[in-house]
PDB file of N, CA and C in Angstrom:
ATOM      1  N   UNK A   1       8.777   4.011   1.326  1.00  0.00           N
ATOM      2  CA  UNK A   1       9.153   2.587   0.298  1.00  0.00           C
ATOM      3  C   UNK A   1       9.865   3.346  -0.740  1.00  0.00           C
ATOM      4  N   UNK A   2      10.569   2.135  -1.297  1.00  0.00           N
ATOM      5  CA  UNK A   2      11.595   2.771  -2.364  1.00  0.00           C
ATOM      6  C   UNK A   2      11.191   2.008  -3.634  1.00  0.00           C
ATOM      7  N   UNK A   3      11.421   2.740  -4.807  1.00  0.00           N
ATOM      8  CA  UNK A   3      11.293   2.120  -5.973  1.00  0.00           C
ATOM      9  C   UNK A   3      12.639   2.231  -6.639  1.00  0.00           C
ATOM     10  N   UNK A   4      13.156   1.053  -6.970  1.00  0.00           N
ATOM     11  CA  UNK A   4      14.381   1.101  -7.843  1.00  0.00           C
ATOM     12  C   UNK A   4      14.116   0.589  -9.083  1.00  0.00           C
ATOM     13  N   UNK A   5      14.664   1.574 -10.223  1.00  0.00           N
ATOM     14  CA  UNK A   5      14.422   0.928 -11.555  1.00  0.00           C
ATOM     15  C   UNK A   5      15.887   0.457 -12.023  1.00  0.00           C
ATOM     16  N   UNK A   6      15.469  -0.399 -12.803  1.00  0.00           N
ATOM     17  CA  UNK A   6      16.851  -1.046 -13.533  1.00  0.00           C
ATOM     18  C   UNK A   6      16.989  -1.063 -14.994  1.00  0.00           C
ATOM     19  N   UNK A   7      18.152  -0.806 -15.370  1.00  0.00           N
ATOM     20  CA  UNK A   7      18.253  -0.574 -16.733  1.00  0.00           C
ATOM     21  C   UNK A   7      19.770  -1.425 -17.010  1.00  0.00           C
ATOM     22  N   UNK A   8      19.750  -2.366 -17.915  1.00  0.00           N
ATOM     23  CA  UNK A   8      20.937  -3.114 -18.189  1.00  0.00           C
ATOM     24  C   UNK A   8      21.512  -3.535 -16.979  1.00  0.00           C
ATOM     25  N   UNK A   9      20.768  -4.216 -16.004  1.00  0.00           N
ATOM     26  CA  UNK A   9      21.474  -4.633 -14.742  1.00  0.00           C
ATOM     27  C   UNK A   9      21.983  -3.649 -13.760  1.00  0.00           C
ATOM     28  N   UNK A  10      21.689  -2.522 -14.281  1.00  0.00           N
ATOM     29  CA  UNK A  10      22.194  -1.392 -13.214  1.00  0.00           C
ATOM     30  C   UNK A  10      20.944  -0.458 -12.566  1.00  0.00           C
ATOM     31  N   UNK A  11      21.076   0.059 -11.399  1.00  0.00           N
ATOM     32  CA  UNK A  11      19.982   0.798 -10.988  1.00  0.00           C
ATOM     33  C   UNK A  11      20.020   2.177 -11.894  1.00  0.00           C
ATOM     34  N   UNK A  12      18.956   2.579 -12.566  1.00  0.00           N
ATOM     35  CA  UNK A  12      18.938   3.820 -13.319  1.00  0.00           C
ATOM     36  C   UNK A  12      18.242   4.966 -12.591  1.00  0.00           C
ATOM     37  N   UNK A  13      17.520   4.653 -11.660  1.00  0.00           N
ATOM     38  CA  UNK A  13      16.795   5.620 -10.777  1.00  0.00           C
ATOM     39  C   UNK A  13      16.174   5.101  -9.371  1.00  0.00           C
ATOM     40  N   UNK A  14      15.969   6.012  -8.306  1.00  0.00           N
ATOM     41  CA  UNK A  14      15.430   5.546  -7.144  1.00  0.00           C
ATOM     42  C   UNK A  14      14.457   6.586  -6.743  1.00  0.00           C
ATOM     43  N   UNK A  15      13.420   5.959  -6.513  1.00  0.00           N
ATOM     44  CA  UNK A  15      12.226   6.909  -5.848  1.00  0.00           C
ATOM     45  C   UNK A  15      11.744   6.545  -4.542  1.00  0.00           C
ATOM     46  N   UNK A  16      11.585   7.678  -3.746  1.00  0.00           N
ATOM     47  CA  UNK A  16      11.010   7.343  -2.311  1.00  0.00           C
ATOM     48  C   UNK A  16       9.809   7.777  -2.007  1.00  0.00           C
ATOM     49  N   UNK A  17       9.222   7.422  -1.120  1.00  0.00           N
ATOM     50  CA  UNK A  17       7.799   8.145  -0.713  1.00  0.00           C
ATOM     51  C   UNK A  17       8.064   9.238   0.241  1.00  0.00           C
ATOM     52  N   UNK A  18       7.209  10.083   0.495  1.00  0.00           N
ATOM     53  CA  UNK A  18       7.221  11.321   1.203  1.00  0.00           C
ATOM     54  C   UNK A  18       7.628  11.215   2.563  1.00  0.00           C
ATOM     55  N   UNK A  19       7.244  10.111   3.291  1.00  0.00           N
ATOM     56  CA  UNK A  19       7.475  10.316   4.623  1.00  0.00           C
ATOM     57  C   UNK A  19       8.023   8.777   5.242  1.00  0.00           C
ATOM     58  N   UNK A  20       7.806   8.595   6.340  1.00  0.00           N
ATOM     59  CA  UNK A  20       8.163   7.322   7.179  1.00  0.00           C
ATOM     60  C   UNK A  20       7.732   5.962   6.329  1.00  0.00           C
ATOM     61  N   UNK A  21       8.770   5.219   6.236  1.00  0.00           N
ATOM     62  CA  UNK A  21       8.294   3.921   5.387  1.00  0.00           C
ATOM     63  C   UNK A  21       8.670   2.652   6.303  1.00  0.00           C
ATOM     64  N   UNK A  22       8.695   2.993   7.413  1.00  0.00           N
ATOM     65  CA  UNK A  22       9.417   1.859   8.202  1.00  0.00           C
ATOM     66  C   UNK A  22       8.340   0.730   8.442  1.00  0.00           C
ATOM     67  N   UNK A  23       7.050   0.860   8.384  1.00  0.00           N
ATOM     68  CA  UNK A  23       6.442  -0.332   8.439  1.00  0.00           C
ATOM     69  C   UNK A  23       5.380  -0.676   7.133  1.00  0.00           C
ATOM     70  N   UNK A  24       5.637  -0.023   5.978  1.00  0.00           N
ATOM     71  CA  UNK A  24       4.782  -0.044   4.833  1.00  0.00           C
ATOM     72  C   UNK A  24       4.517  -1.153   4.354  1.00  0.00           C
ATOM     73  N   UNK A  25       5.575  -1.863   4.069  1.00  0.00           N
ATOM     74  CA  UNK A  25       5.620  -3.096   3.393  1.00  0.00           C
ATOM     75  C   UNK A  25       5.026  -4.348   4.420  1.00  0.00           C
ATOM     76  N   UNK A  26       5.330  -4.183   5.580  1.00  0.00           N
ATOM     77  CA  UNK A  26       4.756  -5.080   6.478  1.00  0.00           C
ATOM     78  C   UNK A  26       3.329  -5.089   6.818  1.00  0.00           C
ATOM     79  N   UNK A  27       3.049  -3.408   6.811  1.00  0.00           N
ATOM     80  CA  UNK A  27       1.538  -3.102   6.916  1.00  0.00           C
ATOM     81  C   UNK A  27       0.746  -3.886   5.890  1.00  0.00           C
ATOM     82  N   UNK A  28       1.038  -3.628   4.481  1.00  0.00           N
ATOM     83  CA  UNK A  28       0.432  -4.089   3.423  1.00  0.00           C
ATOM     84  C   UNK A  28       0.382  -5.465   3.429  1.00  0.00           C
ATOM     85  N   UNK A  29       1.513  -6.402   3.609  1.00  0.00           N
ATOM     86  CA  UNK A  29       1.561  -7.614   3.795  1.00  0.00           C
ATOM     87  C   UNK A  29       0.497  -8.153   4.728  1.00  0.00           C
ATOM     88  N   UNK A  30       0.447  -7.850   5.935  1.00  0.00           N
ATOM     89  CA  UNK A  30      -0.236  -8.035   6.894  1.00  0.00           C
ATOM     90  C   UNK A  30      -1.768  -7.818   6.722  1.00  0.00           C
ATOM     91  N   UNK A  31      -2.097  -6.911   6.091  1.00  0.00           N
ATOM     92  CA  UNK A  31      -3.510  -6.476   5.667  1.00  0.00           C
ATOM     93  C   UNK A  31      -3.898  -7.402   4.638  1.00  0.00           C
ATOM     94  N   UNK A  32      -3.150  -7.534   3.743  1.00  0.00           N
ATOM     95  CA  UNK A  32      -3.614  -8.352   2.539  1.00  0.00           C
ATOM     96  C   UNK A  32      -3.972 -10.004   3.251  1.00  0.00           C
ATOM     97  N   UNK A  33      -2.858 -10.432   3.971  1.00  0.00           N
ATOM     98  CA  UNK A  33      -3.122 -11.614   4.603  1.00  0.00           C
ATOM     99  C   UNK A  33      -4.452 -11.809   5.317  1.00  0.00           C
ATOM    100  N   UNK A  34      -4.723 -10.421   6.219  1.00  0.00           N
ATOM    101  CA  UNK A  34      -5.949 -10.210   7.268  1.00  0.00           C
ATOM    102  C   UNK A  34      -7.328 -10.776   6.027  1.00  0.00           C
ATOM    103  N   UNK A  35      -7.055 -10.016   4.641  1.00  0.00           N
ATOM    104  CA  UNK A  35      -8.238 -10.411   3.877  1.00  0.00           C
ATOM    105  C   UNK A  35      -8.289 -12.028   3.114  1.00  0.00           C
ATOM    106  N   UNK A  36      -7.209 -12.616   3.486  1.00  0.00           N
ATOM    107  CA  UNK A  36      -6.991 -14.053   2.848  1.00  0.00           C
ATOM    108  C   UNK A  36      -6.593 -13.863   1.636  1.00  0.00           C
ATOM    109  N   UNK A  37      -5.718 -12.881   1.411  1.00  0.00           N
ATOM    110  CA  UNK A  37      -4.997 -12.749  -0.101  1.00  0.00           C
ATOM    111  C   UNK A  37      -3.502 -12.821   0.293  1.00  0.00           C
ATOM    112  N   UNK A  38      -2.781 -13.287  -0.965  1.00  0.00           N
ATOM    113  CA  UNK A  38      -1.272 -12.857  -0.908  1.00  0.00           C
ATOM    114  C   UNK A  38      -1.126 -11.270  -1.256  1.00  0.00           C
ATOM    115  N   UNK A  39       0.172 -10.891  -1.205  1.00  0.00           N
ATOM    116  CA  UNK A  39       0.377  -9.483  -1.395  1.00  0.00           C
ATOM    117  C   UNK A  39       0.201  -9.109  -2.937  1.00  0.00           C
ATOM    118  N   UNK A  40       0.333  -9.980  -3.622  1.00  0.00           N
ATOM    119  CA  UNK A  40       0.307  -9.969  -5.051  1.00  0.00           C
ATOM    120  C   UNK A  40      -1.026  -9.716  -5.555  1.00  0.00           C
ATOM    121  N   UNK A  41      -1.995 -10.649  -5.012  1.00  0.00           N
ATOM    122  CA  UNK A  41      -3.336 -10.524  -5.244  1.00  0.00           C
ATOM    123  C   UNK A  41      -3.865  -9.072  -4.713  1.00  0.00           C
ATOM    124  N   UNK A  42      -3.502  -8.749  -3.711  1.00  0.00           N
ATOM    125  CA  UNK A  42      -3.995  -7.431  -3.057  1.00  0.00           C
ATOM    126  C   UNK A  42      -3.491  -6.418  -3.908  1.00  0.00           C
ATOM    127  N   UNK A  43      -2.266  -6.379  -4.273  1.00  0.00           N
ATOM    128  CA  UNK A  43      -1.735  -5.160  -5.163  1.00  0.00           C
ATOM    129  C   UNK A  43      -2.852  -5.107  -6.603  1.00  0.00           C
ATOM    130  N   UNK A  44      -3.021  -6.493  -7.209  1.00  0.00           N
ATOM    131  CA  UNK A  44      -3.671  -6.491  -8.367  1.00  0.00           C
ATOM    132  C   UNK A  44      -4.955  -5.746  -8.043  1.00  0.00           C
ATOM    133  N   UNK A  45      -5.809  -6.237  -7.147  1.00  0.00           N
ATOM    134  CA  UNK A  45      -7.064  -5.686  -7.005  1.00  0.00           C
ATOM    135  C   UNK A  45      -7.048  -4.271  -6.693  1.00  0.00           C
ATOM    136  N   UNK A  46      -5.989  -3.884  -6.093  1.00  0.00           N
ATOM    137  CA  UNK A  46      -5.865  -2.357  -5.477  1.00  0.00           C
ATOM    138  C   UNK A  46      -5.825  -1.483  -6.686  1.00  0.00           C
ATOM    139  N   UNK A  47      -4.897  -2.073  -7.633  1.00  0.00           N
ATOM    140  CA  UNK A  47      -4.545  -1.308  -9.002  1.00  0.00           C
ATOM    141  C   UNK A  47      -5.846  -1.094  -9.821  1.00  0.00           C
ATOM    142  N   UNK A  48      -6.666  -2.341  -9.818  1.00  0.00           N
ATOM    143  CA  UNK A  48      -7.943  -2.197 -10.681  1.00  0.00           C
ATOM    144  C   UNK A  48      -9.010  -1.802  -9.909  1.00  0.00           C
ATOM    145  N   UNK A  49      -9.093  -1.399  -8.724  1.00  0.00           N
ATOM    146  CA  UNK A  49     -10.116  -0.798  -7.893  1.00  0.00           C
ATOM    147  C   UNK A  49     -11.083   0.333  -8.579  1.00  0.00           C
ATOM    148  N   UNK A  50     -12.199  -0.018  -8.891  1.00  0.00           N
ATOM    149  CA  UNK A  50     -13.078   1.196  -9.348  1.00  0.00           C
ATOM    150  C   UNK A  50     -13.383   2.252  -8.620  1.00  0.00           C
ATOM    151  N   UNK A  51     -13.550   2.020  -7.224  1.00  0.00           N
ATOM    152  CA  UNK A  51     -13.700   3.273  -6.176  1.00  0.00           C
ATOM    153  C   UNK A  51     -12.700   3.061  -4.947  1.00  0.00           C
ATOM    154  N   UNK A  52     -11.317   3.310  -5.320  1.00  0.00           N
ATOM    155  CA  UNK A  52     -10.467   3.095  -4.347  1.00  0.00           C
ATOM    156  C   UNK A  52     -10.540   4.159  -3.294  1.00  0.00           C
ATOM    157  N   UNK A  53     -10.263   3.781  -1.732  1.00  0.00           N
ATOM    158  CA  UNK A  53     -10.373   4.450  -0.646  1.00  0.00           C
ATOM    159  C   UNK A  53      -8.865   5.125  -0.402  1.00  0.00           C
ATOM    160  N   UNK A  54      -9.034   6.520  -0.316  1.00  0.00           N
ATOM    161  CA  UNK A  54      -7.633   7.189   0.069  1.00  0.00           C
ATOM    162  C   UNK A  54      -7.301   6.820   1.510  1.00  0.00           C
ATOM    163  N   UNK A  55      -6.489   6.211   1.713  1.00  0.00           N
ATOM    164  CA  UNK A  55      -5.865   5.781   2.948  1.00  0.00           C
ATOM    165  C   UNK A  55      -4.849   6.714   3.404  1.00  0.00           C
ATOM    166  N   UNK A  56      -4.267   7.575   2.563  1.00  0.00           N
ATOM    167  CA  UNK A  56      -3.221   8.631   3.247  1.00  0.00           C
ATOM    168  C   UNK A  56      -1.980   7.873   2.343  1.00  0.00           C
ATOM    169  N   UNK A  57      -0.809   8.530   2.449  1.00  0.00           N
ATOM    170  CA  UNK A  57       0.456   8.312   2.091  1.00  0.00           C
ATOM    171  C   UNK A  57       1.641   8.428   2.973  1.00  0.00           C
ATOM    172  N   UNK A  58       1.346   8.763   4.168  1.00  0.00           N
ATOM    173  CA  UNK A  58       2.333   8.977   5.328  1.00  0.00           C
ATOM    174  C   UNK A  58       2.957   8.129   6.063  1.00  0.00           C
ATOM    175  N   UNK A  59       1.882   7.677   7.027  1.00  0.00           N
ATOM    176  CA  UNK A  59       2.091   6.859   8.006  1.00  0.00           C
ATOM    177  C   UNK A  59       1.220   5.649   8.337  1.00  0.00           C
ATOM    178  N   UNK A  60       1.669   4.732   8.391  1.00  0.00           N
ATOM    179  CA  UNK A  60       0.972   3.275   8.300  1.00  0.00           C
ATOM    180  C   UNK A  60       0.105   3.334   9.816  1.00  0.00           C
ATOM    181  N   UNK A  61       0.476   3.901  10.817  1.00  0.00           N
ATOM    182  CA  UNK A  61      -0.279   4.142  12.084  1.00  0.00           C
ATOM    183  C   UNK A  61      -1.406   4.739  11.623  1.00  0.00           C
ATOM    184  N   UNK A  62      -1.312   6.044  10.846  1.00  0.00           N
ATOM    185  CA  UNK A  62      -2.548   6.796  10.401  1.00  0.00           C
ATOM    186  C   UNK A  62      -3.444   5.930   9.361  1.00  0.00           C
ATOM    187  N   UNK A  63      -2.656   5.096   8.726  1.00  0.00           N
ATOM    188  CA  UNK A  63      -3.299   4.417   7.542  1.00  0.00           C
ATOM    189  C   UNK A  63      -4.043   3.369   7.950  1.00  0.00           C
ATOM    190  N   UNK A  64      -3.617   2.657   9.155  1.00  0.00           N
ATOM    191  CA  UNK A  64      -4.512   1.663   9.841  1.00  0.00           C
ATOM    192  C   UNK A  64      -5.829   2.273  10.435  1.00  0.00           C
ATOM    193  N   UNK A  65      -5.787   3.621  10.951  1.00  0.00           N
ATOM    194  CA  UNK A  65      -6.956   4.100  11.330  1.00  0.00           C
ATOM    195  C   UNK A  65      -7.875   4.464  10.161  1.00  0.00           C
ATOM    196  N   UNK A  66      -7.554   4.853   9.212  1.00  0.00           N
ATOM    197  CA  UNK A  66      -8.287   5.269   7.981  1.00  0.00           C
ATOM    198  C   UNK A  66      -8.921   4.018   7.413  1.00  0.00           C
ATOM    199  N   UNK A  67      -7.996   2.913   7.570  1.00  0.00           N
ATOM    200  CA  UNK A  67      -8.888   1.803   7.098  1.00  0.00           C
ATOM    201  C   UNK A  67      -9.861   1.260   8.070  1.00  0.00           C
ATOM    202  N   UNK A  68      -9.788   1.350   9.282  1.00  0.00           N
ATOM    203  CA  UNK A  68     -11.063   1.219  10.350  1.00  0.00           C
ATOM    204  C   UNK A  68     -11.993   2.160  10.116  1.00  0.00           C
ATOM    205  N   UNK A  69     -11.894   3.324   9.733  1.00  0.00           N
ATOM    206  CA  UNK A  69     -12.847   4.422   9.490  1.00  0.00           C
ATOM    207  C   UNK A  69     -13.542   3.836   8.167  1.00  0.00           C
ATOM    208  N   UNK A  70     -12.817   3.664   7.222  1.00  0.00           N
ATOM    209  CA  UNK A  70     -13.355   3.046   5.731  1.00  0.00           C
ATOM    210  C   UNK A  70     -14.213   1.919   5.876  1.00  0.00           C
ATOM    211  N   UNK A  71     -13.982   1.060   6.752  1.00  0.00           N
ATOM    212  CA  UNK A  71     -14.743  -0.266   6.899  1.00  0.00           C
ATOM    213  C   UNK A  71     -16.114   0.088   7.574  1.00  0.00           C
ATOM    214  N   UNK A  72     -16.094   1.096   8.402  1.00  0.00           N
ATOM    215  CA  UNK A  72     -17.238   1.380   9.183  1.00  0.00           C
ATOM    216  C   UNK A  72     -18.226   2.236   8.354  1.00  0.00           C
ATOM    217  N   UNK A  73     -17.922   2.690   7.248  1.00  0.00           N
ATOM    218  CA  UNK A  73     -18.691   3.504   6.352  1.00  0.00           C
ATOM    219  C   UNK A  73     -19.573   2.550   5.565  1.00  0.00           C
ATOM    220  N   UNK A  74     -20.592   2.921   5.120  1.00  0.00           N
ATOM    221  CA  UNK A  74     -21.347   1.898   4.130  1.00  0.00           C
ATOM    222  C   UNK A  74     -20.646   1.760   2.968  1.00  0.00           C
ATOM    223  N   UNK A  75     -20.947   0.745   2.028  1.00  0.00           N
ATOM    224  CA  UNK A  75     -20.256   0.502   0.892  1.00  0.00           C
ATOM    225  C   UNK A  75     -20.710   1.726  -0.267  1.00  0.00           C
ATOM    226  N   UNK A  76     -19.783   1.933  -0.762  1.00  0.00           N
ATOM    227  CA  UNK A  76     -20.124   2.919  -2.051  1.00  0.00           C
ATOM    228  C   UNK A  76     -21.064   2.627  -3.123  1.00  0.00           C
TER     229      UNK A  76
END
């Protein structure tokens, strides 16, 4: 994923995640929709989560597996 910071109408910095980002945005959007949420609602809830689950930061294929594992565990 990319984060472009703007200052006075121009890009002032660019940040990239550590690994493959080919499906990250699509994965997050589809996951939010599967929960009946918009991506904005999903992001807001994620940022305010009291007990977030570490799903990894590298690959959405692995992240999807971590989501399924987390869903099988008992609630915290």
